[in-house]
Protein backbone atom coordinates (compact mmCIF):
# COMPACT_ATOMS: atom_id res chain seq x y z
CA UNK A 1 67.86 54.65 93.71
CA UNK A 2 70.34 53.64 90.94
CA UNK A 3 70.23 50.21 89.58
CA UNK A 4 73.92 49.76 90.64
CA UNK A 5 73.56 50.77 94.28
CA UNK A 6 70.32 48.56 94.45
CA UNK A 7 72.35 45.57 93.17
CA UNK A 8 75.03 46.23 95.37
CA UNK A 9 72.75 46.34 98.55
CA UNK A 10 71.22 43.17 97.24
CA UNK A 11 74.70 41.44 96.95
CA UNK A 12 75.28 42.85 100.57
CA UNK A 13 71.94 41.12 101.71
CA UNK A 14 72.64 37.79 100.12
CA UNK A 15 76.10 37.73 101.60
CA UNK A 16 74.69 38.34 104.98
CA UNK A 17 71.89 35.67 104.45
CA UNK A 18 74.60 33.14 103.15
CA UNK A 19 76.72 33.78 106.21
CA UNK A 20 73.75 33.58 108.60
CA UNK A 21 72.93 30.20 106.93
CA UNK A 22 76.30 28.81 107.73
CA UNK A 23 76.27 30.08 111.10
CA UNK A 24 72.82 28.91 112.02
CA UNK A 25 73.56 25.36 110.43
CA UNK A 26 76.75 25.13 112.38
CA UNK A 27 74.95 26.00 115.48
CA UNK A 28 71.77 24.06 114.98
CA UNK A 29 73.57 20.71 114.02
CA UNK A 30 76.46 21.43 116.46
CA UNK A 31 78.94 20.99 113.43
CA UNK A 32 82.78 21.28 114.31
CA UNK A 33 84.67 22.54 111.42
CA UNK A 34 87.39 19.94 112.12
CA UNK A 35 84.94 17.07 111.12
CA UNK A 36 84.09 18.70 107.84
CA UNK A 37 83.64 15.24 106.30
CA UNK A 38 79.79 14.82 107.32
CA UNK A 39 77.22 15.14 104.76
CA UNK A 40 75.53 17.53 107.21
CA UNK A 41 78.42 19.71 107.12
CA UNK A 42 78.95 19.63 103.43
CA UNK A 43 75.23 20.33 102.85
CA UNK A 44 75.29 23.34 105.12
CA UNK A 45 78.38 24.48 103.46
CA UNK A 46 77.16 24.02 99.85
CA UNK A 47 73.57 25.86 100.69
CA UNK A 48 75.39 28.77 102.22
CA UNK A 49 78.01 28.94 99.54
CA UNK A 50 75.09 29.07 96.80
CA UNK A 51 73.22 31.85 98.42
CA UNK A 52 76.75 33.65 98.84
CA UNK A 53 77.61 33.39 95.31
CA UNK A 54 74.42 33.10 93.24
CA UNK A 55 71.76 34.35 95.55
CA UNK A 56 71.52 37.76 94.29
CA UNK A 57 71.36 36.49 90.65
CA UNK A 58 68.51 33.96 91.73
CA UNK A 59 66.55 36.86 93.02
CA UNK A 60 66.92 39.09 90.09
CA UNK A 61 66.36 36.37 87.70
CA UNK A 62 63.07 35.18 89.45
CA UNK A 63 62.08 38.76 89.40
CA UNK A 64 62.76 39.39 85.96
CA UNK A 65 65.05 42.25 86.66
CA UNK A 66 68.06 42.73 84.62
CA UNK A 67 70.00 45.44 86.25
CA UNK A 68 73.19 45.60 84.05
CA UNK A 69 73.04 42.00 83.11
CA UNK A 70 70.30 40.10 80.93
CA UNK A 71 67.75 38.03 82.86
CA UNK A 72 68.99 35.19 80.78
CA UNK A 73 72.40 35.65 81.92
CA UNK A 74 71.42 35.57 85.48
CA UNK A 75 69.70 32.17 85.01
CA UNK A 76 72.83 30.67 83.21
CA UNK A 77 74.97 32.00 86.03
CA UNK A 78 72.62 30.53 88.79
CA UNK A 79 72.59 27.06 86.82
CA UNK A 80 76.51 26.98 86.44
CA UNK A 81 76.87 27.84 90.16
CA UNK A 82 74.45 24.89 91.05
CA UNK A 83 75.91 22.51 88.73
CA UNK A 84 79.54 23.18 89.84
CA UNK A 85 78.53 22.68 93.47
CA UNK A 86 76.83 19.42 92.54
CA UNK A 87 80.01 18.47 91.05
CA UNK A 88 81.87 19.50 93.94
CA UNK A 89 79.63 17.22 96.21
CA UNK A 90 80.01 14.32 93.67
CA UNK A 91 83.99 14.74 93.86
CA UNK A 92 83.63 14.91 97.72
CA UNK A 93 82.00 11.60 97.81
CA UNK A 94 84.51 9.98 95.18
CA UNK A 95 87.42 11.10 97.38
CA UNK A 96 88.09 7.67 98.84
CA UNK A 97 87.15 5.77 95.45
CA UNK A 98 90.26 3.81 94.22
CA UNK A 99 91.45 4.79 90.59
CA UNK A 100 89.80 3.01 87.82
CA UNK A 101 92.24 2.05 85.22
CA UNK A 102 94.65 4.42 86.49
CA UNK A 103 92.27 7.42 86.53
CA UNK A 104 91.04 9.05 89.82
CA UNK A 105 87.15 9.36 89.52
CA UNK A 106 87.47 12.62 91.61
CA UNK A 107 89.98 14.02 88.93
CA UNK A 108 87.52 13.03 86.03
CA UNK A 109 84.78 15.21 87.96
CA UNK A 110 87.39 17.95 88.55
CA UNK A 111 87.95 18.06 84.43
CA UNK A 112 84.13 18.20 83.84
CA UNK A 113 83.93 21.16 86.14
CA UNK A 114 86.81 22.80 84.30
CA UNK A 115 85.10 22.23 80.98
CA UNK A 116 81.69 23.43 82.32
CA UNK A 117 83.56 26.78 83.68
CA UNK A 118 85.46 27.29 80.13
CA UNK A 119 82.12 26.55 78.30
CA UNK A 120 80.36 29.01 80.60
CA UNK A 121 82.62 31.84 80.12
CA UNK A 122 82.97 31.28 76.42
CA UNK A 123 79.13 31.33 75.95
CA UNK A 124 78.69 34.30 78.03
CA UNK A 125 81.74 36.02 76.13
CA UNK A 126 80.00 35.23 72.72
CA UNK A 127 76.56 36.47 74.05
CA UNK A 128 78.00 39.79 75.31
CA UNK A 129 79.52 40.29 71.94
CA UNK A 130 76.37 39.51 70.23
CA UNK A 131 74.49 41.97 72.51
CA UNK A 132 77.03 44.85 71.52
CA UNK A 133 77.33 44.15 67.91
CA UNK A 134 73.63 44.07 67.16
CA UNK A 135 72.67 47.50 68.90
């Protein structure tokens, strides 16, 4: 079995797992999507979203398998997704806070998230360039 096909199957399995976590969490905690402002709903959402987006990368990083992507890059991706989801939760908790010195705290969290994404993409681009030029 080719590495690309195996990676694709792994992505499919993590998508099913993430959707299953959300479905089971919704039923188990009797969650109503109309009432998505509860911490339980947000926790179920964040866990399922993490599995959807970074589950395959986490699995491959733990196993030390690279596929098409270096193992270090898998770990960086998992870390960035976890950090962005954490920042999202912080932003969610700050949504009702009054502006401080005219600045909305949730906006500041959003700008930090944007800086993290730009930094991540820049770092990965540099690492990819280094990998190609050192061969």
